């Protein structure tokens, strides 16, 4: 009786933890990789089909050009530039935004 409950709780915990940190890998809008210095960065590598001149990050113009790394805080951020995307950046990573439409 207790064993099925324990298995269910363990699987739920594992599923929740996998969303907290996936390490290097693809995301709906690009790629996350560990940063070389342990700081957290964003690199916007797509001009959204030419519709984007300046990127707005969390309501402010970003101080970097396309393809350059911008140091940011870990957590949830919103980018606007011809479209708006919201994404989560884990601590100590480089989030490379390569597309403005999430893959399904």
PDB file of N, CA and C in Angstrom:
ATOM      1  N   UNK A   1       0.822  -1.195   0.000  1.00  0.00           N
ATOM      2  CA  UNK A   1       0.000   0.000   0.000  1.00  0.00           C
ATOM      3  C   UNK A   1       0.866   1.257   0.000  1.00  0.00           C
ATOM      4  N   UNK A   2       1.905   1.245   0.763  1.00  0.00           N
ATOM      5  CA  UNK A   2       2.783   2.407   0.840  1.00  0.00           C
ATOM      6  C   UNK A   2       3.722   2.488  -0.364  1.00  0.00           C
ATOM      7  N   UNK A   3       4.073   1.347  -0.916  1.00  0.00           N
ATOM      8  CA  UNK A   3       5.021   1.323  -2.031  1.00  0.00           C
ATOM      9  C   UNK A   3       4.516   2.082  -3.264  1.00  0.00           C
ATOM     10  N   UNK A   4       3.265   1.904  -3.736  1.00  0.00           N
ATOM     11  CA  UNK A   4       2.799   2.678  -4.894  1.00  0.00           C
ATOM     12  C   UNK A   4       2.830   4.188  -4.637  1.00  0.00           C
ATOM     13  N   UNK A   5       2.512   4.600  -3.418  1.00  0.00           N
ATOM     14  CA  UNK A   5       2.553   6.021  -3.077  1.00  0.00           C
ATOM     15  C   UNK A   5       3.987   6.541  -3.130  1.00  0.00           C
ATOM     16  N   UNK A   6       4.927   5.761  -2.613  1.00  0.00           N
ATOM     17  CA  UNK A   6       6.335   6.147  -2.628  1.00  0.00           C
ATOM     18  C   UNK A   6       6.861   6.252  -4.060  1.00  0.00           C
ATOM     19  N   UNK A   7       6.482   5.311  -4.907  1.00  0.00           N
ATOM     20  CA  UNK A   7       6.911   5.345  -6.309  1.00  0.00           C
ATOM     21  C   UNK A   7       6.331   6.569  -7.010  1.00  0.00           C
ATOM     22  N   UNK A   8       5.061   6.851  -6.782  1.00  0.00           N
ATOM     23  CA  UNK A   8       4.418   8.016  -7.394  1.00  0.00           C
ATOM     24  C   UNK A   8       5.094   9.304  -6.954  1.00  0.00           C
ATOM     25  N   UNK A   9       5.373   9.435  -5.665  1.00  0.00           N
ATOM     26  CA  UNK A   9       6.038  10.640  -5.149  1.00  0.00           C
ATOM     27  C   UNK A   9       7.441  10.783  -5.724  1.00  0.00           C
ATOM     28  N   UNK A  10       8.167   9.688  -5.841  1.00  0.00           N
ATOM     29  CA  UNK A  10       9.528   9.730  -6.387  1.00  0.00           C
ATOM     30  C   UNK A  10       9.524  10.172  -7.843  1.00  0.00           C
ATOM     31  N   UNK A  11       8.604   9.628  -8.634  1.00  0.00           N
ATOM     32  CA  UNK A  11       8.523  10.008 -10.042  1.00  0.00           C
ATOM     33  C   UNK A  11       8.123  11.466 -10.201  1.00  0.00           C
ATOM     34  N   UNK A  12       7.213  11.939  -9.366  1.00  0.00           N
ATOM     35  CA  UNK A  12       6.805  13.342  -9.409  1.00  0.00           C
ATOM     36  C   UNK A  12       7.973  14.252  -9.076  1.00  0.00           C
ATOM     37  N   UNK A  13       8.748  13.896  -8.065  1.00  0.00           N
ATOM     38  CA  UNK A  13       9.912  14.683  -7.671  1.00  0.00           C
ATOM     39  C   UNK A  13      10.955  14.713  -8.783  1.00  0.00           C
ATOM     40  N   UNK A  14      11.219  13.580  -9.409  1.00  0.00           N
ATOM     41  CA  UNK A  14      12.181  13.528 -10.509  1.00  0.00           C
ATOM     42  C   UNK A  14      11.726  14.378 -11.687  1.00  0.00           C
ATOM     43  N   UNK A  15      10.462  14.322 -12.011  1.00  0.00           N
ATOM     44  CA  UNK A  15       9.943  15.116 -13.126  1.00  0.00           C
ATOM     45  C   UNK A  15      10.066  16.601 -12.825  1.00  0.00           C
ATOM     46  N   UNK A  16       9.788  17.007 -11.606  1.00  0.00           N
ATOM     47  CA  UNK A  16       9.910  18.409 -11.224  1.00  0.00           C
ATOM     48  C   UNK A  16      11.338  18.888 -11.238  1.00  0.00           C
ATOM     49  N   UNK A  17      12.256  18.086 -10.759  1.00  0.00           N
ATOM     50  CA  UNK A  17      13.670  18.471 -10.713  1.00  0.00           C
ATOM     51  C   UNK A  17      14.277  18.563 -12.103  1.00  0.00           C
ATOM     52  N   UNK A  18      13.829  17.745 -13.024  1.00  0.00           N
ATOM     53  CA  UNK A  18      14.404  17.796 -14.365  1.00  0.00           C
ATOM     54  C   UNK A  18      14.115  19.128 -15.036  1.00  0.00           C
ATOM     55  N   UNK A  19      13.030  19.795 -14.661  1.00  0.00           N
ATOM     56  CA  UNK A  19      12.726  21.102 -15.212  1.00  0.00           C
ATOM     57  C   UNK A  19      13.527  22.217 -14.587  1.00  0.00           C
ATOM     58  N   UNK A  20      14.092  21.992 -13.409  1.00  0.00           N
ATOM     59  CA  UNK A  20      14.873  23.019 -12.745  1.00  0.00           C
ATOM     60  C   UNK A  20      16.236  23.196 -13.383  1.00  0.00           C
ATOM     61  N   UNK A  21      16.854  22.122 -13.789  1.00  0.00           N
ATOM     62  CA  UNK A  21      18.172  22.225 -14.403  1.00  0.00           C
ATOM     63  C   UNK A  21      18.353  21.112 -15.408  1.00  0.00           C
ATOM     64  N   UNK A  22      18.460  21.478 -16.630  1.00  0.00           N
ATOM     65  CA  UNK A  22      18.657  20.482 -17.666  1.00  0.00           C
ATOM     66  C   UNK A  22      20.090  20.484 -18.182  1.00  0.00           C
ATOM     67  N   UNK A  23      20.893  21.467 -17.740  1.00  0.00           N
ATOM     68  CA  UNK A  23      22.272  21.548 -18.218  1.00  0.00           C
ATOM     69  C   UNK A  23      22.331  22.035 -19.650  1.00  0.00           C
ATOM     70  N   UNK A  24      23.381  21.639 -20.362  1.00  0.00           N
ATOM     71  CA  UNK A  24      23.506  22.000 -21.770  1.00  0.00           C
ATOM     72  C   UNK A  24      22.353  21.392 -22.550  1.00  0.00           C
ATOM     73  N   UNK A  25      21.838  22.133 -23.527  1.00  0.00           N
ATOM     74  CA  UNK A  25      20.821  21.545 -24.375  1.00  0.00           C
ATOM     75  C   UNK A  25      19.955  22.558 -25.082  1.00  0.00           C
ATOM     76  N   UNK A  26      19.061  22.036 -25.910  1.00  0.00           N
ATOM     77  CA  UNK A  26      18.144  22.854 -26.685  1.00  0.00           C
ATOM     78  C   UNK A  26      16.976  23.320 -25.826  1.00  0.00           C
ATOM     79  N   UNK A  27      16.455  24.490 -26.154  1.00  0.00           N
ATOM     80  CA  UNK A  27      15.261  25.043 -25.522  1.00  0.00           C
ATOM     81  C   UNK A  27      14.291  25.412 -26.640  1.00  0.00           C
ATOM     82  N   UNK A  28      13.057  25.772 -26.314  1.00  0.00           N
ATOM     83  CA  UNK A  28      12.127  26.148 -27.379  1.00  0.00           C
ATOM     84  C   UNK A  28      12.606  27.322 -28.240  1.00  0.00           C
ATOM     85  N   UNK A  29      13.441  28.219 -27.684  1.00  0.00           N
ATOM     86  CA  UNK A  29      13.880  29.396 -28.433  1.00  0.00           C
ATOM     87  C   UNK A  29      15.359  29.389 -28.790  1.00  0.00           C
ATOM     88  N   UNK A  30      16.080  28.360 -28.424  1.00  0.00           N
ATOM     89  CA  UNK A  30      17.504  28.342 -28.738  1.00  0.00           C
ATOM     90  C   UNK A  30      18.243  27.262 -27.987  1.00  0.00           C
ATOM     91  N   UNK A  31      19.353  27.667 -27.343  1.00  0.00           N
ATOM     92  CA  UNK A  31      20.224  26.700 -26.692  1.00  0.00           C
ATOM     93  C   UNK A  31      20.751  27.267 -25.377  1.00  0.00           C
ATOM     94  N   UNK A  32      20.907  26.396 -24.401  1.00  0.00           N
ATOM     95  CA  UNK A  32      21.523  26.760 -23.126  1.00  0.00           C
ATOM     96  C   UNK A  32      22.807  25.958 -22.991  1.00  0.00           C
ATOM     97  N   UNK A  33      23.885  26.645 -22.624  1.00  0.00           N
ATOM     98  CA  UNK A  33      25.156  25.965 -22.379  1.00  0.00           C
ATOM     99  C   UNK A  33      25.800  26.582 -21.141  1.00  0.00           C
ATOM    100  N   UNK A  34      26.668  25.825 -20.494  1.00  0.00           N
ATOM    101  CA  UNK A  34      27.366  26.352 -19.329  1.00  0.00           C
ATOM    102  C   UNK A  34      28.271  27.496 -19.763  1.00  0.00           C
ATOM    103  N   UNK A  35      28.324  28.585 -18.979  1.00  0.00           N
ATOM    104  CA  UNK A  35      29.236  29.685 -19.300  1.00  0.00           C
ATOM    105  C   UNK A  35      30.632  29.338 -18.806  1.00  0.00           C
ATOM    106  N   UNK A  36      31.629  29.928 -19.440  1.00  0.00           N
ATOM    107  CA  UNK A  36      33.017  29.621 -19.098  1.00  0.00           C
ATOM    108  C   UNK A  36      33.412  30.127 -17.718  1.00  0.00           C
ATOM    109  N   UNK A  37      32.811  31.241 -17.282  1.00  0.00           N
ATOM    110  CA  UNK A  37      33.206  31.847 -16.010  1.00  0.00           C
ATOM    111  C   UNK A  37      32.174  31.684 -14.897  1.00  0.00           C
ATOM    112  N   UNK A  38      31.099  30.939 -15.155  1.00  0.00           N
ATOM    113  CA  UNK A  38      30.085  30.699 -14.136  1.00  0.00           C
ATOM    114  C   UNK A  38      29.059  31.810 -14.002  1.00  0.00           C
ATOM    115  N   UNK A  39      29.195  32.867 -14.795  1.00  0.00           N
ATOM    116  CA  UNK A  39      28.203  33.948 -14.786  1.00  0.00           C
ATOM    117  C   UNK A  39      27.079  33.595 -15.755  1.00  0.00           C
ATOM    118  N   UNK A  40      26.031  34.414 -15.746  1.00  0.00           N
ATOM    119  CA  UNK A  40      24.842  34.142 -16.549  1.00  0.00           C
ATOM    120  C   UNK A  40      24.751  35.160 -17.685  1.00  0.00           C
ATOM    121  N   UNK A  41      24.559  34.662 -18.913  1.00  0.00           N
ATOM    122  CA  UNK A  41      24.569  35.528 -20.090  1.00  0.00           C
ATOM    123  C   UNK A  41      23.409  35.220 -21.030  1.00  0.00           C
ATOM    124  N   UNK A  42      23.099  36.220 -21.862  1.00  0.00           N
ATOM    125  CA  UNK A  42      22.138  36.078 -22.952  1.00  0.00           C
ATOM    126  C   UNK A  42      22.822  36.526 -24.236  1.00  0.00           C
ATOM    127  N   UNK A  43      22.603  35.786 -25.304  1.00  0.00           N
ATOM    128  CA  UNK A  43      23.069  36.173 -26.632  1.00  0.00           C
ATOM    129  C   UNK A  43      21.887  36.040 -27.588  1.00  0.00           C
ATOM    130  N   UNK A  44      21.476  37.156 -28.192  1.00  0.00           N
ATOM    131  CA  UNK A  44      20.377  37.137 -29.163  1.00  0.00           C
ATOM    132  C   UNK A  44      21.008  37.022 -30.544  1.00  0.00           C
ATOM    133  N   UNK A  45      20.773  35.904 -31.211  1.00  0.00           N
ATOM    134  CA  UNK A  45      21.432  35.601 -32.479  1.00  0.00           C
ATOM    135  C   UNK A  45      20.504  35.656 -33.684  1.00  0.00           C
ATOM    136  N   UNK A  46      19.263  36.074 -33.481  1.00  0.00           N
ATOM    137  CA  UNK A  46      18.293  36.126 -34.571  1.00  0.00           C
ATOM    138  C   UNK A  46      17.664  37.513 -34.640  1.00  0.00           C
ATOM    139  N   UNK A  47      17.529  38.049 -35.854  1.00  0.00           N
ATOM    140  CA  UNK A  47      16.880  39.350 -36.048  1.00  0.00           C
ATOM    141  C   UNK A  47      15.382  39.204 -36.320  1.00  0.00           C
ATOM    142  N   UNK A  48      14.845  38.032 -36.023  1.00  0.00           N
ATOM    143  CA  UNK A  48      13.417  37.768 -36.216  1.00  0.00           C
ATOM    144  C   UNK A  48      13.005  38.036 -37.663  1.00  0.00           C
ATOM    145  N   UNK A  49      13.749  37.459 -38.578  1.00  0.00           N
ATOM    146  CA  UNK A  49      13.421  37.609 -39.996  1.00  0.00           C
ATOM    147  C   UNK A  49      13.618  39.023 -40.512  1.00  0.00           C
ATOM    148  N   UNK A  50      14.510  39.789 -39.897  1.00  0.00           N
ATOM    149  CA  UNK A  50      14.768  41.162 -40.314  1.00  0.00           C
ATOM    150  C   UNK A  50      13.821  42.181 -39.710  1.00  0.00           C
ATOM    151  N   UNK A  51      12.902  41.746 -38.856  1.00  0.00           N
ATOM    152  CA  UNK A  51      11.934  42.657 -38.238  1.00  0.00           C
ATOM    153  C   UNK A  51      12.475  43.309 -36.968  1.00  0.00           C
ATOM    154  N   UNK A  52      13.723  43.031 -36.641  1.00  0.00           N
ATOM    155  CA  UNK A  52      14.251  43.454 -35.355  1.00  0.00           C
ATOM    156  C   UNK A  52      15.506  44.307 -35.536  1.00  0.00           C
ATOM    157  N   UNK A  53      15.470  45.536 -35.040  1.00  0.00           N
ATOM    158  CA  UNK A  53      16.647  46.404 -35.063  1.00  0.00           C
ATOM    159  C   UNK A  53      17.297  46.488 -33.688  1.00  0.00           C
ATOM    160  N   UNK A  54      16.491  46.713 -32.667  1.00  0.00           N
ATOM    161  CA  UNK A  54      16.991  46.777 -31.292  1.00  0.00           C
ATOM    162  C   UNK A  54      16.133  45.879 -30.416  1.00  0.00           C
ATOM    163  N   UNK A  55      16.789  45.131 -29.574  1.00  0.00           N
ATOM    164  CA  UNK A  55      16.108  44.186 -28.691  1.00  0.00           C
ATOM    165  C   UNK A  55      15.728  44.881 -27.387  1.00  0.00           C
ATOM    166  N   UNK A  56      14.506  44.625 -26.925  1.00  0.00           N
ATOM    167  CA  UNK A  56      14.055  45.125 -25.632  1.00  0.00           C
ATOM    168  C   UNK A  56      14.024  43.939 -24.673  1.00  0.00           C
ATOM    169  N   UNK A  57      14.837  44.012 -23.624  1.00  0.00           N
ATOM    170  CA  UNK A  57      14.925  42.957 -22.617  1.00  0.00           C
ATOM    171  C   UNK A  57      14.303  43.459 -21.329  1.00  0.00           C
ATOM    172  N   UNK A  58      13.245  42.811 -20.891  1.00  0.00           N
ATOM    173  CA  UNK A  58      12.550  43.169 -19.647  1.00  0.00           C
ATOM    174  C   UNK A  58      12.183  44.653 -19.608  1.00  0.00           C
ATOM    175  N   UNK A  59      11.735  45.188 -20.751  1.00  0.00           N
ATOM    176  CA  UNK A  59      11.259  46.564 -20.816  1.00  0.00           C
ATOM    177  C   UNK A  59      12.322  47.614 -21.086  1.00  0.00           C
ATOM    178  N   UNK A  60      13.585  47.216 -21.263  1.00  0.00           N
ATOM    179  CA  UNK A  60      14.678  48.163 -21.511  1.00  0.00           C
ATOM    180  C   UNK A  60      15.465  47.719 -22.743  1.00  0.00           C
ATOM    181  N   UNK A  61      15.978  48.694 -23.493  1.00  0.00           N
ATOM    182  CA  UNK A  61      16.805  48.343 -24.646  1.00  0.00           C
ATOM    183  C   UNK A  61      18.056  47.616 -24.188  1.00  0.00           C
ATOM    184  N   UNK A  62      18.371  46.510 -24.851  1.00  0.00           N
ATOM    185  CA  UNK A  62      19.578  45.742 -24.536  1.00  0.00           C
ATOM    186  C   UNK A  62      20.803  46.525 -24.993  1.00  0.00           C
ATOM    187  N   UNK A  63      21.861  46.440 -24.221  1.00  0.00           N
ATOM    188  CA  UNK A  63      23.077  47.207 -24.502  1.00  0.00           C
ATOM    189  C   UNK A  63      24.102  46.421 -25.316  1.00  0.00           C
ATOM    190  N   UNK A  64      23.669  45.436 -26.053  1.00  0.00           N
ATOM    191  CA  UNK A  64      24.566  44.629 -26.878  1.00  0.00           C
ATOM    192  C   UNK A  64      23.954  44.429 -28.262  1.00  0.00           C
ATOM    193  N   UNK A  65      24.813  44.181 -29.231  1.00  0.00           N
ATOM    194  CA  UNK A  65      24.363  43.893 -30.593  1.00  0.00           C
ATOM    195  C   UNK A  65      24.062  42.403 -30.729  1.00  0.00           C
ATOM    196  N   UNK A  66      23.476  42.045 -31.844  1.00  0.00           N
ATOM    197  CA  UNK A  66      23.159  40.646 -32.111  1.00  0.00           C
ATOM    198  C   UNK A  66      24.430  39.810 -32.077  1.00  0.00           C
ATOM    199  N   UNK A  67      24.357  38.677 -31.410  1.00  0.00           N
ATOM    200  CA  UNK A  67      25.485  37.762 -31.318  1.00  0.00           C
ATOM    201  C   UNK A  67      26.452  38.053 -30.186  1.00  0.00           C
ATOM    202  N   UNK A  68      26.328  39.200 -29.525  1.00  0.00           N
ATOM    203  CA  UNK A  68      27.196  39.530 -28.392  1.00  0.00           C
ATOM    204  C   UNK A  68      26.564  39.048 -27.094  1.00  0.00           C
ATOM    205  N   UNK A  69      27.399  38.685 -26.137  1.00  0.00           N
ATOM    206  CA  UNK A  69      26.907  38.211 -24.845  1.00  0.00           C
ATOM    207  C   UNK A  69      26.618  39.389 -23.922  1.00  0.00           C
ATOM    208  N   UNK A  70      25.458  39.346 -23.287  1.00  0.00           N
ATOM    209  CA  UNK A  70      25.044  40.343 -22.311  1.00  0.00           C
ATOM    210  C   UNK A  70      24.887  39.640 -20.973  1.00  0.00           C
ATOM    211  N   UNK A  71      25.574  40.115 -19.942  1.00  0.00           N
ATOM    212  CA  UNK A  71      25.423  39.502 -18.623  1.00  0.00           C
ATOM    213  C   UNK A  71      24.056  39.882 -18.062  1.00  0.00           C
ATOM    214  N   UNK A  72      23.313  38.880 -17.602  1.00  0.00           N
ATOM    215  CA  UNK A  72      21.975  39.085 -17.050  1.00  0.00           C
ATOM    216  C   UNK A  72      21.847  38.298 -15.756  1.00  0.00           C
ATOM    217  N   UNK A  73      20.771  38.549 -15.032  1.00  0.00           N
ATOM    218  CA  UNK A  73      20.500  37.772 -13.823  1.00  0.00           C
ATOM    219  C   UNK A  73      19.818  36.465 -14.214  1.00  0.00           C
ATOM    220  N   UNK A  74      20.040  35.406 -13.444  1.00  0.00           N
ATOM    221  CA  UNK A  74      19.312  34.165 -13.708  1.00  0.00           C
ATOM    222  C   UNK A  74      17.819  34.387 -13.456  1.00  0.00           C
ATOM    223  N   UNK A  75      16.997  33.605 -14.111  1.00  0.00           N
ATOM    224  CA  UNK A  75      15.560  33.690 -13.874  1.00  0.00           C
ATOM    225  C   UNK A  75      14.783  33.888 -15.159  1.00  0.00           C
ATOM    226  N   UNK A  76      13.546  34.329 -15.015  1.00  0.00           N
ATOM    227  CA  UNK A  76      12.637  34.498 -16.141  1.00  0.00           C
ATOM    228  C   UNK A  76      12.793  35.889 -16.743  1.00  0.00           C
ATOM    229  N   UNK A  77      12.902  35.947 -18.064  1.00  0.00           N
ATOM    230  CA  UNK A  77      13.075  37.206 -18.789  1.00  0.00           C
ATOM    231  C   UNK A  77      12.124  37.252 -19.974  1.00  0.00           C
ATOM    232  N   UNK A  78      11.846  38.485 -20.444  1.00  0.00           N
ATOM    233  CA  UNK A  78      11.013  38.695 -21.622  1.00  0.00           C
ATOM    234  C   UNK A  78      11.787  39.531 -22.632  1.00  0.00           C
ATOM    235  N   UNK A  79      11.839  39.056 -23.862  1.00  0.00           N
ATOM    236  CA  UNK A  79      12.471  39.772 -24.972  1.00  0.00           C
ATOM    237  C   UNK A  79      11.393  40.215 -25.947  1.00  0.00           C
ATOM    238  N   UNK A  80      11.527  41.445 -26.459  1.00  0.00           N
ATOM    239  CA  UNK A  80      10.603  41.960 -27.462  1.00  0.00           C
ATOM    240  C   UNK A  80      11.399  42.503 -28.636  1.00  0.00           C
ATOM    241  N   UNK A  81      10.941  42.166 -29.829  1.00  0.00           N
ATOM    242  CA  UNK A  81      11.568  42.684 -31.045  1.00  0.00           C
ATOM    243  C   UNK A  81      10.827  42.111 -32.249  1.00  0.00           C
ATOM    244  N   UNK A  82       9.707  42.707 -32.605  1.00  0.00           N
ATOM    245  CA  UNK A  82       8.889  42.160 -33.676  1.00  0.00           C
ATOM    246  C   UNK A  82       8.031  40.999 -33.206  1.00  0.00           C
ATOM    247  N   UNK A  83       8.353  40.449 -32.077  1.00  0.00           N
ATOM    248  CA  UNK A  83       7.609  39.389 -31.384  1.00  0.00           C
ATOM    249  C   UNK A  83       8.047  39.454 -29.925  1.00  0.00           C
ATOM    250  N   UNK A  84       7.330  38.787 -29.070  1.00  0.00           N
ATOM    251  CA  UNK A  84       7.694  38.756 -27.654  1.00  0.00           C
ATOM    252  C   UNK A  84       7.816  37.314 -27.197  1.00  0.00           C
ATOM    253  N   UNK A  85       8.915  37.017 -26.501  1.00  0.00           N
ATOM    254  CA  UNK A  85       9.139  35.676 -25.972  1.00  0.00           C
ATOM    255  C   UNK A  85       9.534  35.781 -24.507  1.00  0.00           C
ATOM    256  N   UNK A  86       9.098  34.814 -23.732  1.00  0.00           N
ATOM    257  CA  UNK A  86       9.463  34.718 -22.324  1.00  0.00           C
ATOM    258  C   UNK A  86      10.170  33.385 -22.130  1.00  0.00           C
ATOM    259  N   UNK A  87      11.270  33.414 -21.385  1.00  0.00           N
ATOM    260  CA  UNK A  87      12.093  32.220 -21.209  1.00  0.00           C
ATOM    261  C   UNK A  87      12.807  32.300 -19.871  1.00  0.00           C
ATOM    262  N   UNK A  88      13.295  31.154 -19.415  1.00  0.00           N
ATOM    263  CA  UNK A  88      13.988  31.064 -18.133  1.00  0.00           C
ATOM    264  C   UNK A  88      15.460  30.747 -18.378  1.00  0.00           C
ATOM    265  N   UNK A  89      16.336  31.505 -17.712  1.00  0.00           N
ATOM    266  CA  UNK A  89      17.779  31.327 -17.866  1.00  0.00           C
ATOM    267  C   UNK A  89      18.352  30.796 -16.553  1.00  0.00           C
ATOM    268  N   UNK A  90      18.905  29.582 -16.547  1.00  0.00           N
ATOM    269  CA  UNK A  90      19.512  29.040 -15.335  1.00  0.00           C
ATOM    270  C   UNK A  90      20.811  29.773 -14.983  1.00  0.00           C
ATOM    271  N   UNK A  91      21.134  29.805 -13.715  1.00  0.00           N
ATOM    272  CA  UNK A  91      22.359  30.442 -13.227  1.00  0.00           C
ATOM    273  C   UNK A  91      23.587  29.755 -13.832  1.00  0.00           C
ATOM    274  N   UNK A  92      24.580  30.568 -14.222  1.00  0.00           N
ATOM    275  CA  UNK A  92      25.843  30.030 -14.719  1.00  0.00           C
ATOM    276  C   UNK A  92      25.804  29.519 -16.143  1.00  0.00           C
ATOM    277  N   UNK A  93      24.852  30.033 -16.938  1.00  0.00           N
ATOM    278  CA  UNK A  93      24.711  29.547 -18.312  1.00  0.00           C
ATOM    279  C   UNK A  93      24.753  30.693 -19.318  1.00  0.00           C
ATOM    280  N   UNK A  94      24.926  30.326 -20.562  1.00  0.00           N
ATOM    281  CA  UNK A  94      24.754  31.225 -21.697  1.00  0.00           C
ATOM    282  C   UNK A  94      23.490  30.771 -22.410  1.00  0.00           C
ATOM    283  N   UNK A  95      22.482  31.640 -22.458  1.00  0.00           N
ATOM    284  CA  UNK A  95      21.250  31.344 -23.181  1.00  0.00           C
ATOM    285  C   UNK A  95      21.377  31.994 -24.553  1.00  0.00           C
ATOM    286  N   UNK A  96      21.451  31.198 -25.595  1.00  0.00           N
ATOM    287  CA  UNK A  96      21.560  31.692 -26.970  1.00  0.00           C
ATOM    288  C   UNK A  96      20.197  31.620 -27.624  1.00  0.00           C
ATOM    289  N   UNK A  97      19.573  32.783 -27.838  1.00  0.00           N
ATOM    290  CA  UNK A  97      18.267  32.829 -28.485  1.00  0.00           C
ATOM    291  C   UNK A  97      18.488  32.806 -29.993  1.00  0.00           C
ATOM    292  N   UNK A  98      18.078  31.725 -30.627  1.00  0.00           N
ATOM    293  CA  UNK A  98      18.309  31.524 -32.057  1.00  0.00           C
ATOM    294  C   UNK A  98      17.044  31.589 -32.892  1.00  0.00           C
ATOM    295  N   UNK A  99      15.892  31.633 -32.259  1.00  0.00           N
ATOM    296  CA  UNK A  99      14.626  31.677 -32.995  1.00  0.00           C
ATOM    297  C   UNK A  99      13.570  32.361 -32.124  1.00  0.00           C
ATOM    298  N   UNK A 100      12.634  33.055 -32.782  1.00  0.00           N
ATOM    299  CA  UNK A 100      11.589  33.791 -32.078  1.00  0.00           C
ATOM    300  C   UNK A 100      10.283  33.003 -31.994  1.00  0.00           C
ATOM    301  N   UNK A 101      10.185  31.930 -32.729  1.00  0.00           N
ATOM    302  CA  UNK A 101       9.016  31.056 -32.647  1.00  0.00           C
ATOM    303  C   UNK A 101       9.436  29.777 -31.948  1.00  0.00           C
ATOM    304  N   UNK A 102       8.721  29.403 -30.911  1.00  0.00           N
ATOM    305  CA  UNK A 102       9.057  28.176 -30.180  1.00  0.00           C
ATOM    306  C   UNK A 102       8.758  26.965 -31.051  1.00  0.00           C
ATOM    307  N   UNK A 103       9.652  25.978 -30.982  1.00  0.00           N
ATOM    308  CA  UNK A 103       9.350  24.729 -31.672  1.00  0.00           C
ATOM    309  C   UNK A 103       8.313  23.983 -30.869  1.00  0.00           C
ATOM    310  N   UNK A 104       7.537  23.214 -31.559  1.00  0.00           N
ATOM    311  CA  UNK A 104       6.428  22.492 -30.909  1.00  0.00           C
ATOM    312  C   UNK A 104       6.843  21.100 -30.530  1.00  0.00           C
TER     313      UNK A 104
END
